[in-house]
Amino acid sequence: MGDLVHINSNNPLVGEWVSSDGFSDVIVTISISGNKFSINVVDASDDEVAEVFEVTYVNKQLKFNVHWPSSGRFIKYAFLLTDNDTVSVSYIYSGQETWKRR
């Protein structure tokens, strides 16, 4: 467990984040609710809203998990601020496919 961190609306992670490569339609919106991060994740291509859970903020790294109901995909994200308008994003995801016998 990391140090207890007071989170306020001036936190540099607050805002709307999009991929800089242009290949993803996912928009992550980070805000503050009380003394906690509130995260909203939307696929702009179809307006699907993901389920967000297990939000943690340790050592200036914001971690959260996402579930996309339409595909069953789970993604674990880690956001780390690298510059005022840039975050380094690491993620691990699970996928689901349908296979058939050859």
PDB file of N, CA and C in Angstrom:
ATOM      1  N   MET A   1       0.847  -1.166   0.000  1.00  0.00           N
ATOM      2  CA  MET A   1       0.000   0.000   0.000  1.00  0.00           C
ATOM      3  C   MET A   1       0.894   1.230   0.000  1.00  0.00           C
ATOM      4  N   GLY A   2       0.580   2.197  -0.846  1.00  0.00           N
ATOM      5  CA  GLY A   2       1.369   3.412  -0.936  1.00  0.00           C
ATOM      6  C   GLY A   2       0.939   4.419   0.108  1.00  0.00           C
ATOM      7  N   ASP A   3       1.618   5.566   0.076  1.00  0.00           N
ATOM      8  CA  ASP A   3       1.282   6.640   0.995  1.00  0.00           C
ATOM      9  C   ASP A   3      -0.095   7.194   0.685  1.00  0.00           C
ATOM     10  N   LEU A   4      -0.801   7.633   1.724  1.00  0.00           N
ATOM     11  CA  LEU A   4      -2.083   8.287   1.545  1.00  0.00           C
ATOM     12  C   LEU A   4      -1.826   9.625   0.866  1.00  0.00           C
ATOM     13  N   VAL A   5      -2.519   9.891  -0.193  1.00  0.00           N
ATOM     14  CA  VAL A   5      -2.305  11.097  -0.973  1.00  0.00           C
ATOM     15  C   VAL A   5      -3.584  11.909  -0.988  1.00  0.00           C
ATOM     16  N   HIS A   6      -3.467  13.198  -0.649  1.00  0.00           N
ATOM     17  CA  HIS A   6      -4.623  14.082  -0.765  1.00  0.00           C
ATOM     18  C   HIS A   6      -4.794  14.433  -2.238  1.00  0.00           C
ATOM     19  N   ILE A   7      -5.959  14.169  -2.771  1.00  0.00           N
ATOM     20  CA  ILE A   7      -6.229  14.418  -4.182  1.00  0.00           C
ATOM     21  C   ILE A   7      -7.176  15.607  -4.269  1.00  0.00           C
ATOM     22  N   ASN A   8      -6.834  16.573  -5.118  1.00  0.00           N
ATOM     23  CA  ASN A   8      -7.726  17.714  -5.312  1.00  0.00           C
ATOM     24  C   ASN A   8      -7.923  17.977  -6.794  1.00  0.00           C
ATOM     25  N   SER A   9      -8.807  18.889  -7.106  1.00  0.00           N
ATOM     26  CA  SER A   9      -9.179  19.145  -8.504  1.00  0.00           C
ATOM     27  C   SER A   9      -8.038  19.733  -9.324  1.00  0.00           C
ATOM     28  N   ASN A  10      -6.958  20.148  -8.682  1.00  0.00           N
ATOM     29  CA  ASN A  10      -5.794  20.674  -9.404  1.00  0.00           C
ATOM     30  C   ASN A  10      -4.835  19.568  -9.831  1.00  0.00           C
ATOM     31  N   ASN A  11      -5.146  18.321  -9.531  1.00  0.00           N
ATOM     32  CA  ASN A  11      -4.269  17.215  -9.905  1.00  0.00           C
ATOM     33  C   ASN A  11      -4.059  17.233 -11.422  1.00  0.00           C
ATOM     34  N   PRO A  12      -2.812  17.125 -11.881  1.00  0.00           N
ATOM     35  CA  PRO A  12      -2.533  17.214 -13.317  1.00  0.00           C
ATOM     36  C   PRO A  12      -3.101  16.077 -14.168  1.00  0.00           C
ATOM     37  N   LEU A  13      -3.585  15.012 -13.553  1.00  0.00           N
ATOM     38  CA  LEU A  13      -4.207  13.933 -14.319  1.00  0.00           C
ATOM     39  C   LEU A  13      -5.651  14.242 -14.694  1.00  0.00           C
ATOM     40  N   VAL A  14      -6.241  15.239 -14.049  1.00  0.00           N
ATOM     41  CA  VAL A  14      -7.628  15.601 -14.324  1.00  0.00           C
ATOM     42  C   VAL A  14      -7.744  16.131 -15.750  1.00  0.00           C
ATOM     43  N   GLY A  15      -8.702  15.591 -16.494  1.00  0.00           N
ATOM     44  CA  GLY A  15      -8.931  16.032 -17.865  1.00  0.00           C
ATOM     45  C   GLY A  15      -9.363  14.891 -18.749  1.00  0.00           C
ATOM     46  N   GLU A  16      -9.411  15.188 -20.037  1.00  0.00           N
ATOM     47  CA  GLU A  16      -9.816  14.201 -21.042  1.00  0.00           C
ATOM     48  C   GLU A  16      -8.571  13.742 -21.779  1.00  0.00           C
ATOM     49  N   TRP A  17      -8.375  12.427 -21.858  1.00  0.00           N
ATOM     50  CA  TRP A  17      -7.175  11.846 -22.452  1.00  0.00           C
ATOM     51  C   TRP A  17      -7.535  10.970 -23.646  1.00  0.00           C
ATOM     52  N   VAL A  18      -6.771  11.118 -24.729  1.00  0.00           N
ATOM     53  CA  VAL A  18      -6.945  10.311 -25.935  1.00  0.00           C
ATOM     54  C   VAL A  18      -5.581   9.822 -26.402  1.00  0.00           C
ATOM     55  N   SER A  19      -5.583   8.740 -27.155  1.00  0.00           N
ATOM     56  CA  SER A  19      -4.348   8.187 -27.696  1.00  0.00           C
ATOM     57  C   SER A  19      -3.739   9.157 -28.703  1.00  0.00           C
ATOM     58  N   SER A  20      -2.430   9.322 -28.647  1.00  0.00           N
ATOM     59  CA  SER A  20      -1.767  10.242 -29.575  1.00  0.00           C
ATOM     60  C   SER A  20      -1.490   9.613 -30.935  1.00  0.00           C
ATOM     61  N   ASP A  21      -1.680   8.285 -31.075  1.00  0.00           N
ATOM     62  CA  ASP A  21      -1.386   7.640 -32.358  1.00  0.00           C
ATOM     63  C   ASP A  21      -2.548   7.693 -33.346  1.00  0.00           C
ATOM     64  N   GLY A  22      -3.726   8.107 -32.877  1.00  0.00           N
ATOM     65  CA  GLY A  22      -4.876   8.235 -33.766  1.00  0.00           C
ATOM     66  C   GLY A  22      -5.583   6.935 -34.103  1.00  0.00           C
ATOM     67  N   PHE A  23      -5.141   5.806 -33.526  1.00  0.00           N
ATOM     68  CA  PHE A  23      -5.746   4.516 -33.860  1.00  0.00           C
ATOM     69  C   PHE A  23      -6.842   4.092 -32.896  1.00  0.00           C
ATOM     70  N   SER A  24      -6.952   4.759 -31.779  1.00  0.00           N
ATOM     71  CA  SER A  24      -7.941   4.367 -30.777  1.00  0.00           C
ATOM     72  C   SER A  24      -9.030   5.426 -30.670  1.00  0.00           C
ATOM     73  N   ASP A  25     -10.263   4.965 -30.520  1.00  0.00           N
ATOM     74  CA  ASP A  25     -11.399   5.867 -30.338  1.00  0.00           C
ATOM     75  C   ASP A  25     -11.784   5.997 -28.865  1.00  0.00           C
ATOM     76  N   VAL A  26     -10.961   5.461 -27.986  1.00  0.00           N
ATOM     77  CA  VAL A  26     -11.266   5.480 -26.566  1.00  0.00           C
ATOM     78  C   VAL A  26     -10.905   6.839 -25.967  1.00  0.00           C
ATOM     79  N   ILE A  27     -11.831   7.373 -25.170  1.00  0.00           N
ATOM     80  CA  ILE A  27     -11.619   8.632 -24.458  1.00  0.00           C
ATOM     81  C   ILE A  27     -11.724   8.335 -22.970  1.00  0.00           C
ATOM     82  N   VAL A  28     -10.688   8.684 -22.225  1.00  0.00           N
ATOM     83  CA  VAL A  28     -10.668   8.506 -20.781  1.00  0.00           C
ATOM     84  C   VAL A  28     -10.792   9.885 -20.145  1.00  0.00           C
ATOM     85  N   THR A  29     -11.846  10.071 -19.365  1.00  0.00           N
ATOM     86  CA  THR A  29     -12.050  11.332 -18.667  1.00  0.00           C
ATOM     87  C   THR A  29     -11.806  11.110 -17.183  1.00  0.00           C
ATOM     88  N   ILE A  30     -10.869  11.887 -16.625  1.00  0.00           N
ATOM     89  CA  ILE A  30     -10.512  11.764 -15.219  1.00  0.00           C
ATOM     90  C   ILE A  30     -10.953  13.036 -14.505  1.00  0.00           C
ATOM     91  N   SER A  31     -11.695  12.839 -13.426  1.00  0.00           N
ATOM     92  CA  SER A  31     -12.127  13.965 -12.603  1.00  0.00           C
ATOM     93  C   SER A  31     -11.959  13.571 -11.138  1.00  0.00           C
ATOM     94  N   ILE A  32     -12.271  14.510 -10.266  1.00  0.00           N
ATOM     95  CA  ILE A  32     -12.175  14.261  -8.833  1.00  0.00           C
ATOM     96  C   ILE A  32     -13.574  14.314  -8.243  1.00  0.00           C
ATOM     97  N   SER A  33     -13.882  13.330  -7.424  1.00  0.00           N
ATOM     98  CA  SER A  33     -15.153  13.302  -6.700  1.00  0.00           C
ATOM     99  C   SER A  33     -14.813  13.120  -5.227  1.00  0.00           C
ATOM    100  N   GLY A  34     -15.000  14.172  -4.446  1.00  0.00           N
ATOM    101  CA  GLY A  34     -14.574  14.128  -3.052  1.00  0.00           C
ATOM    102  C   GLY A  34     -13.069  14.112  -2.997  1.00  0.00           C
ATOM    103  N   ASN A  35     -12.496  13.068  -2.437  1.00  0.00           N
ATOM    104  CA  ASN A  35     -11.049  12.908  -2.353  1.00  0.00           C
ATOM    105  C   ASN A  35     -10.586  11.702  -3.168  1.00  0.00           C
ATOM    106  N   LYS A  36     -11.382  11.352  -4.211  1.00  0.00           N
ATOM    107  CA  LYS A  36     -11.058  10.183  -5.026  1.00  0.00           C
ATOM    108  C   LYS A  36     -11.131  10.531  -6.502  1.00  0.00           C
ATOM    109  N   PHE A  37     -10.419   9.742  -7.288  1.00  0.00           N
ATOM    110  CA  PHE A  37     -10.526   9.883  -8.733  1.00  0.00           C
ATOM    111  C   PHE A  37     -11.822   9.263  -9.219  1.00  0.00           C
ATOM    112  N   SER A  38     -12.450   9.904 -10.185  1.00  0.00           N
ATOM    113  CA  SER A  38     -13.612   9.379 -10.877  1.00  0.00           C
ATOM    114  C   SER A  38     -13.215   9.243 -12.337  1.00  0.00           C
ATOM    115  N   ILE A  39     -13.430   8.077 -12.905  1.00  0.00           N
ATOM    116  CA  ILE A  39     -12.959   7.805 -14.265  1.00  0.00           C
ATOM    117  C   ILE A  39     -14.124   7.350 -15.131  1.00  0.00           C
ATOM    118  N   ASN A  40     -14.221   7.952 -16.310  1.00  0.00           N
ATOM    119  CA  ASN A  40     -15.232   7.586 -17.290  1.00  0.00           C
ATOM    120  C   ASN A  40     -14.489   7.194 -18.568  1.00  0.00           C
ATOM    121  N   VAL A  41     -14.826   6.038 -19.133  1.00  0.00           N
ATOM    122  CA  VAL A  41     -14.162   5.548 -20.341  1.00  0.00           C
ATOM    123  C   VAL A  41     -15.227   5.278 -21.392  1.00  0.00           C
ATOM    124  N   VAL A  42     -15.069   5.902 -22.562  1.00  0.00           N
ATOM    125  CA  VAL A  42     -16.057   5.804 -23.634  1.00  0.00           C
ATOM    126  C   VAL A  42     -15.355   5.469 -24.946  1.00  0.00           C
ATOM    127  N   ASP A  43     -15.967   4.586 -25.725  1.00  0.00           N
ATOM    128  CA  ASP A  43     -15.531   4.313 -27.090  1.00  0.00           C
ATOM    129  C   ASP A  43     -16.304   5.278 -27.986  1.00  0.00           C
ATOM    130  N   ALA A  44     -15.618   6.295 -28.516  1.00  0.00           N
ATOM    131  CA  ALA A  44     -16.282   7.339 -29.299  1.00  0.00           C
ATOM    132  C   ALA A  44     -16.856   6.824 -30.613  1.00  0.00           C
ATOM    133  N   SER A  45     -16.410   5.658 -31.083  1.00  0.00           N
ATOM    134  CA  SER A  45     -16.913   5.140 -32.358  1.00  0.00           C
ATOM    135  C   SER A  45     -18.359   4.673 -32.251  1.00  0.00           C
ATOM    136  N   ASP A  46     -18.770   4.225 -31.044  1.00  0.00           N
ATOM    137  CA  ASP A  46     -20.144   3.750 -30.876  1.00  0.00           C
ATOM    138  C   ASP A  46     -20.786   4.227 -29.569  1.00  0.00           C
ATOM    139  N   ASP A  47     -20.097   5.105 -28.855  1.00  0.00           N
ATOM    140  CA  ASP A  47     -20.575   5.677 -27.593  1.00  0.00           C
ATOM    141  C   ASP A  47     -20.764   4.652 -26.471  1.00  0.00           C
ATOM    142  N   GLU A  48     -20.136   3.482 -26.593  1.00  0.00           N
ATOM    143  CA  GLU A  48     -20.224   2.505 -25.509  1.00  0.00           C
ATOM    144  C   GLU A  48     -19.430   3.013 -24.309  1.00  0.00           C
ATOM    145  N   VAL A  49     -20.030   2.908 -23.142  1.00  0.00           N
ATOM    146  CA  VAL A  49     -19.384   3.300 -21.901  1.00  0.00           C
ATOM    147  C   VAL A  49     -18.894   2.043 -21.187  1.00  0.00           C
ATOM    148  N   ALA A  50     -17.618   2.026 -20.846  1.00  0.00           N
ATOM    149  CA  ALA A  50     -17.039   0.870 -20.166  1.00  0.00           C
ATOM    150  C   ALA A  50     -17.343   0.919 -18.680  1.00  0.00           C
ATOM    151  N   GLU A  51     -17.302  -0.248 -18.058  1.00  0.00           N
ATOM    152  CA  GLU A  51     -17.408  -0.349 -16.601  1.00  0.00           C
ATOM    153  C   GLU A  51     -15.999  -0.164 -16.044  1.00  0.00           C
ATOM    154  N   VAL A  52     -15.841   0.757 -15.093  1.00  0.00           N
ATOM    155  CA  VAL A  52     -14.538   1.048 -14.495  1.00  0.00           C
ATOM    156  C   VAL A  52     -14.560   0.606 -13.042  1.00  0.00           C
ATOM    157  N   PHE A  53     -13.491  -0.079 -12.608  1.00  0.00           N
ATOM    158  CA  PHE A  53     -13.436  -0.540 -11.228  1.00  0.00           C
ATOM    159  C   PHE A  53     -11.995  -0.628 -10.756  1.00  0.00           C
ATOM    160  N   GLU A  54     -11.820  -0.823  -9.449  1.00  0.00           N
ATOM    161  CA  GLU A  54     -10.510  -0.961  -8.798  1.00  0.00           C
ATOM    162  C   GLU A  54      -9.574   0.196  -9.143  1.00  0.00           C
ATOM    163  N   VAL A  55     -10.010   1.408  -8.855  1.00  0.00           N
ATOM    164  CA  VAL A  55      -9.204   2.606  -9.101  1.00  0.00           C
ATOM    165  C   VAL A  55      -8.263   2.808  -7.923  1.00  0.00           C
ATOM    166  N   THR A  56      -6.963   2.922  -8.219  1.00  0.00           N
ATOM    167  CA  THR A  56      -5.966   3.193  -7.181  1.00  0.00           C
ATOM    168  C   THR A  56      -5.013   4.273  -7.663  1.00  0.00           C
ATOM    169  N   TYR A  57      -4.441   4.989  -6.716  1.00  0.00           N
ATOM    170  CA  TYR A  57      -3.458   6.039  -7.013  1.00  0.00           C
ATOM    171  C   TYR A  57      -2.300   5.873  -6.042  1.00  0.00           C
ATOM    172  N   VAL A  58      -1.195   5.320  -6.547  1.00  0.00           N
ATOM    173  CA  VAL A  58      -0.031   5.032  -5.725  1.00  0.00           C
ATOM    174  C   VAL A  58       1.212   5.512  -6.460  1.00  0.00           C
ATOM    175  N   ASN A  59       2.087   6.220  -5.740  1.00  0.00           N
ATOM    176  CA  ASN A  59       3.339   6.725  -6.313  1.00  0.00           C
ATOM    177  C   ASN A  59       3.103   7.513  -7.595  1.00  0.00           C
ATOM    178  N   LYS A  60       2.087   8.362  -7.584  1.00  0.00           N
ATOM    179  CA  LYS A  60       1.726   9.226  -8.707  1.00  0.00           C
ATOM    180  C   LYS A  60       1.302   8.456  -9.954  1.00  0.00           C
ATOM    181  N   GLN A  61       0.968   7.176  -9.768  1.00  0.00           N
ATOM    182  CA  GLN A  61       0.488   6.355 -10.881  1.00  0.00           C
ATOM    183  C   GLN A  61      -0.976   5.997 -10.625  1.00  0.00           C
ATOM    184  N   LEU A  62      -1.828   6.339 -11.585  1.00  0.00           N
ATOM    185  CA  LEU A  62      -3.255   6.046 -11.499  1.00  0.00           C
ATOM    186  C   LEU A  62      -3.519   4.735 -12.218  1.00  0.00           C
ATOM    187  N   LYS A  63      -4.060   3.774 -11.494  1.00  0.00           N
ATOM    188  CA  LYS A  63      -4.367   2.468 -12.074  1.00  0.00           C
ATOM    189  C   LYS A  63      -5.860   2.217 -11.968  1.00  0.00           C
ATOM    190  N   PHE A  64      -6.411   1.596 -13.012  1.00  0.00           N
ATOM    191  CA  PHE A  64      -7.831   1.242 -12.989  1.00  0.00           C
ATOM    192  C   PHE A  64      -8.078   0.135 -13.988  1.00  0.00           C
ATOM    193  N   ASN A  65      -9.164  -0.589 -13.760  1.00  0.00           N
ATOM    194  CA  ASN A  65      -9.552  -1.694 -14.630  1.00  0.00           C
ATOM    195  C   ASN A  65     -10.828  -1.330 -15.363  1.00  0.00           C
ATOM    196  N   VAL A  66     -10.946  -1.841 -16.582  1.00  0.00           N
ATOM    197  CA  VAL A  66     -12.081  -1.533 -17.447  1.00  0.00           C
ATOM    198  C   VAL A  66     -12.648  -2.832 -18.008  1.00  0.00           C
ATOM    199  N   HIS A  67     -13.975  -2.896 -18.082  1.00  0.00           N
ATOM    200  CA  HIS A  67     -14.646  -4.015 -18.734  1.00  0.00           C
ATOM    201  C   HIS A  67     -15.572  -3.454 -19.805  1.00  0.00           C
ATOM    202  N   TRP A  68     -15.420  -3.974 -21.029  1.00  0.00           N
ATOM    203  CA  TRP A  68     -16.305  -3.597 -22.144  1.00  0.00           C
ATOM    204  C   TRP A  68     -17.379  -4.673 -22.279  1.00  0.00           C
ATOM    205  N   PRO A  69     -18.618  -4.383 -21.905  1.00  0.00           N
ATOM    206  CA  PRO A  69     -19.682  -5.393 -21.944  1.00  0.00           C
ATOM    207  C   PRO A  69     -19.914  -5.987 -23.332  1.00  0.00           C
ATOM    208  N   SER A  70     -19.788  -5.193 -24.388  1.00  0.00           N
ATOM    209  CA  SER A  70     -20.100  -5.693 -25.730  1.00  0.00           C
ATOM    210  C   SER A  70     -19.147  -6.781 -26.204  1.00  0.00           C
ATOM    211  N   SER A  71     -17.886  -6.692 -25.791  1.00  0.00           N
ATOM    212  CA  SER A  71     -16.888  -7.658 -26.264  1.00  0.00           C
ATOM    213  C   SER A  71     -16.404  -8.596 -25.169  1.00  0.00           C
ATOM    214  N   GLY A  72     -16.693  -8.256 -23.914  1.00  0.00           N
ATOM    215  CA  GLY A  72     -16.188  -9.054 -22.806  1.00  0.00           C
ATOM    216  C   GLY A  72     -14.738  -8.760 -22.474  1.00  0.00           C
ATOM    217  N   ARG A  73     -14.127  -7.816 -23.142  1.00  0.00           N
ATOM    218  CA  ARG A  73     -12.713  -7.510 -22.944  1.00  0.00           C
ATOM    219  C   ARG A  73     -12.485  -6.786 -21.620  1.00  0.00           C
ATOM    220  N   PHE A  74     -11.444  -7.224 -20.909  1.00  0.00           N
ATOM    221  CA  PHE A  74     -10.982  -6.567 -19.694  1.00  0.00           C
ATOM    222  C   PHE A  74      -9.646  -5.904 -19.986  1.00  0.00           C
ATOM    223  N   ILE A  75      -9.455  -4.696 -19.477  1.00  0.00           N
ATOM    224  CA  ILE A  75      -8.188  -3.984 -19.666  1.00  0.00           C
ATOM    225  C   ILE A  75      -7.756  -3.403 -18.326  1.00  0.00           C
ATOM    226  N   LYS A  76      -6.471  -3.602 -17.992  1.00  0.00           N
ATOM    227  CA  LYS A  76      -5.874  -2.982 -16.810  1.00  0.00           C
ATOM    228  C   LYS A  76      -5.010  -1.832 -17.315  1.00  0.00           C
ATOM    229  N   TYR A  77      -5.334  -0.607 -16.875  1.00  0.00           N
ATOM    230  CA  TYR A  77      -4.594   0.584 -17.289  1.00  0.00           C
ATOM    231  C   TYR A  77      -3.741   1.115 -16.147  1.00  0.00           C
ATOM    232  N   ALA A  78      -2.618   1.730 -16.518  1.00  0.00           N
ATOM    233  CA  ALA A  78      -1.782   2.484 -15.582  1.00  0.00           C
ATOM    234  C   ALA A  78      -1.386   3.780 -16.280  1.00  0.00           C
ATOM    235  N   PHE A  79      -1.774   4.917 -15.699  1.00  0.00           N
ATOM    236  CA  PHE A  79      -1.454   6.238 -16.240  1.00  0.00           C
ATOM    237  C   PHE A  79      -0.388   6.880 -15.360  1.00  0.00           C
ATOM    238  N   LEU A  80       0.661   7.387 -15.988  1.00  0.00           N
ATOM    239  CA  LEU A  80       1.728   8.094 -15.280  1.00  0.00           C
ATOM    240  C   LEU A  80       2.004   9.386 -16.030  1.00  0.00           C
ATOM    241  N   LEU A  81       1.838  10.508 -15.367  1.00  0.00           N
ATOM    242  CA  LEU A  81       2.059  11.808 -15.984  1.00  0.00           C
ATOM    243  C   LEU A  81       3.538  11.955 -16.341  1.00  0.00           C
ATOM    244  N   THR A  82       3.832  12.296 -17.605  1.00  0.00           N
ATOM    245  CA  THR A  82       5.214  12.501 -18.043  1.00  0.00           C
ATOM    246  C   THR A  82       5.496  13.955 -18.378  1.00  0.00           C
ATOM    247  N   ASP A  83       4.466  14.701 -18.672  1.00  0.00           N
ATOM    248  CA  ASP A  83       4.554  16.128 -18.967  1.00  0.00           C
ATOM    249  C   ASP A  83       3.171  16.700 -18.652  1.00  0.00           C
ATOM    250  N   ASN A  84       3.036  17.987 -18.687  1.00  0.00           N
ATOM    251  CA  ASN A  84       1.771  18.606 -18.316  1.00  0.00           C
ATOM    252  C   ASN A  84       0.591  18.086 -19.132  1.00  0.00           C
ATOM    253  N   ASP A  85       0.788  17.810 -20.419  1.00  0.00           N
ATOM    254  CA  ASP A  85      -0.294  17.347 -21.278  1.00  0.00           C
ATOM    255  C   ASP A  85      -0.049  15.961 -21.854  1.00  0.00           C
ATOM    256  N   THR A  86       0.798  15.171 -21.188  1.00  0.00           N
ATOM    257  CA  THR A  86       1.162  13.852 -21.701  1.00  0.00           C
ATOM    258  C   THR A  86       1.209  12.836 -20.565  1.00  0.00           C
ATOM    259  N   VAL A  87       0.612  11.663 -20.812  1.00  0.00           N
ATOM    260  CA  VAL A  87       0.730  10.556 -19.869  1.00  0.00           C
ATOM    261  C   VAL A  87       1.317   9.353 -20.587  1.00  0.00           C
ATOM    262  N   SER A  88       2.092   8.597 -19.848  1.00  0.00           N
ATOM    263  CA  SER A  88       2.550   7.300 -20.315  1.00  0.00           C
ATOM    264  C   SER A  88       1.489   6.302 -19.887  1.00  0.00           C
ATOM    265  N   VAL A  89       0.958   5.543 -20.833  1.00  0.00           N
ATOM    266  CA  VAL A  89      -0.115   4.598 -20.537  1.00  0.00           C
ATOM    267  C   VAL A  89       0.381   3.177 -20.796  1.00  0.00           C
ATOM    268  N   SER A  90       0.325   2.372 -19.754  1.00  0.00           N
ATOM    269  CA  SER A  90       0.605   0.945 -19.888  1.00  0.00           C
ATOM    270  C   SER A  90      -0.715   0.220 -19.734  1.00  0.00           C
ATOM    271  N   TYR A  91      -0.891  -0.852 -20.491  1.00  0.00           N
ATOM    272  CA  TYR A  91      -2.133  -1.606 -20.349  1.00  0.00           C
ATOM    273  C   TYR A  91      -1.909  -3.071 -20.667  1.00  0.00           C
ATOM    274  N   ILE A  92      -2.738  -3.868 -20.050  1.00  0.00           N
ATOM    275  CA  ILE A  92      -2.774  -5.313 -20.284  1.00  0.00           C
ATOM    276  C   ILE A  92      -4.233  -5.641 -20.533  1.00  0.00           C
ATOM    277  N   TYR A  93      -4.511  -6.420 -21.576  1.00  0.00           N
ATOM    278  CA  TYR A  93      -5.913  -6.741 -21.824  1.00  0.00           C
ATOM    279  C   TYR A  93      -6.109  -8.212 -22.122  1.00  0.00           C
ATOM    280  N   SER A  94      -7.327  -8.622 -21.896  1.00  0.00           N
ATOM    281  CA  SER A  94      -7.726  -9.965 -22.270  1.00  0.00           C
ATOM    282  C   SER A  94      -8.696  -9.834 -23.427  1.00  0.00           C
ATOM    283  N   GLY A  95      -8.638 -10.756 -24.334  1.00  0.00           N
ATOM    284  CA  GLY A  95      -9.526 -10.735 -25.485  1.00  0.00           C
ATOM    285  C   GLY A  95     -10.384 -11.992 -25.512  1.00  0.00           C
ATOM    286  N   GLN A  96     -11.318 -11.982 -26.416  1.00  0.00           N
ATOM    287  CA  GLN A  96     -12.197 -13.133 -26.580  1.00  0.00           C
ATOM    288  C   GLN A  96     -12.408 -13.340 -28.077  1.00  0.00           C
ATOM    289  N   GLU A  97     -12.250 -14.573 -28.524  1.00  0.00           N
ATOM    290  CA  GLU A  97     -12.418 -14.916 -29.921  1.00  0.00           C
ATOM    291  C   GLU A  97     -13.322 -16.129 -30.039  1.00  0.00           C
ATOM    292  N   THR A  98     -13.858 -16.340 -31.215  1.00  0.00           N
ATOM    293  CA  THR A  98     -14.581 -17.575 -31.510  1.00  0.00           C
ATOM    294  C   THR A  98     -13.731 -18.354 -32.496  1.00  0.00           C
ATOM    295  N   TRP A  99     -13.460 -19.607 -32.182  1.00  0.00           N
ATOM    296  CA  TRP A  99     -12.667 -20.463 -33.057  1.00  0.00           C
ATOM    297  C   TRP A  99     -13.553 -21.570 -33.590  1.00  0.00           C
ATOM    298  N   LYS A 100     -13.138 -22.137 -34.730  1.00  0.00           N
ATOM    299  CA  LYS A 100     -13.883 -23.246 -35.304  1.00  0.00           C
ATOM    300  C   LYS A 100     -12.932 -24.376 -35.676  1.00  0.00           C
ATOM    301  N   ARG A 101     -13.479 -25.540 -35.751  1.00  0.00           N
ATOM    302  CA  ARG A 101     -12.667 -26.712 -36.100  1.00  0.00           C
ATOM    303  C   ARG A 101     -12.321 -26.655 -37.590  1.00  0.00           C
ATOM    304  N   ARG A 102     -11.107 -27.034 -37.914  1.00  0.00           N
ATOM    305  CA  ARG A 102     -10.677 -27.097 -39.303  1.00  0.00           C
ATOM    306  C   ARG A 102     -11.036 -28.405 -39.940  1.00  0.00           C
TER     307      ARG A 102
END
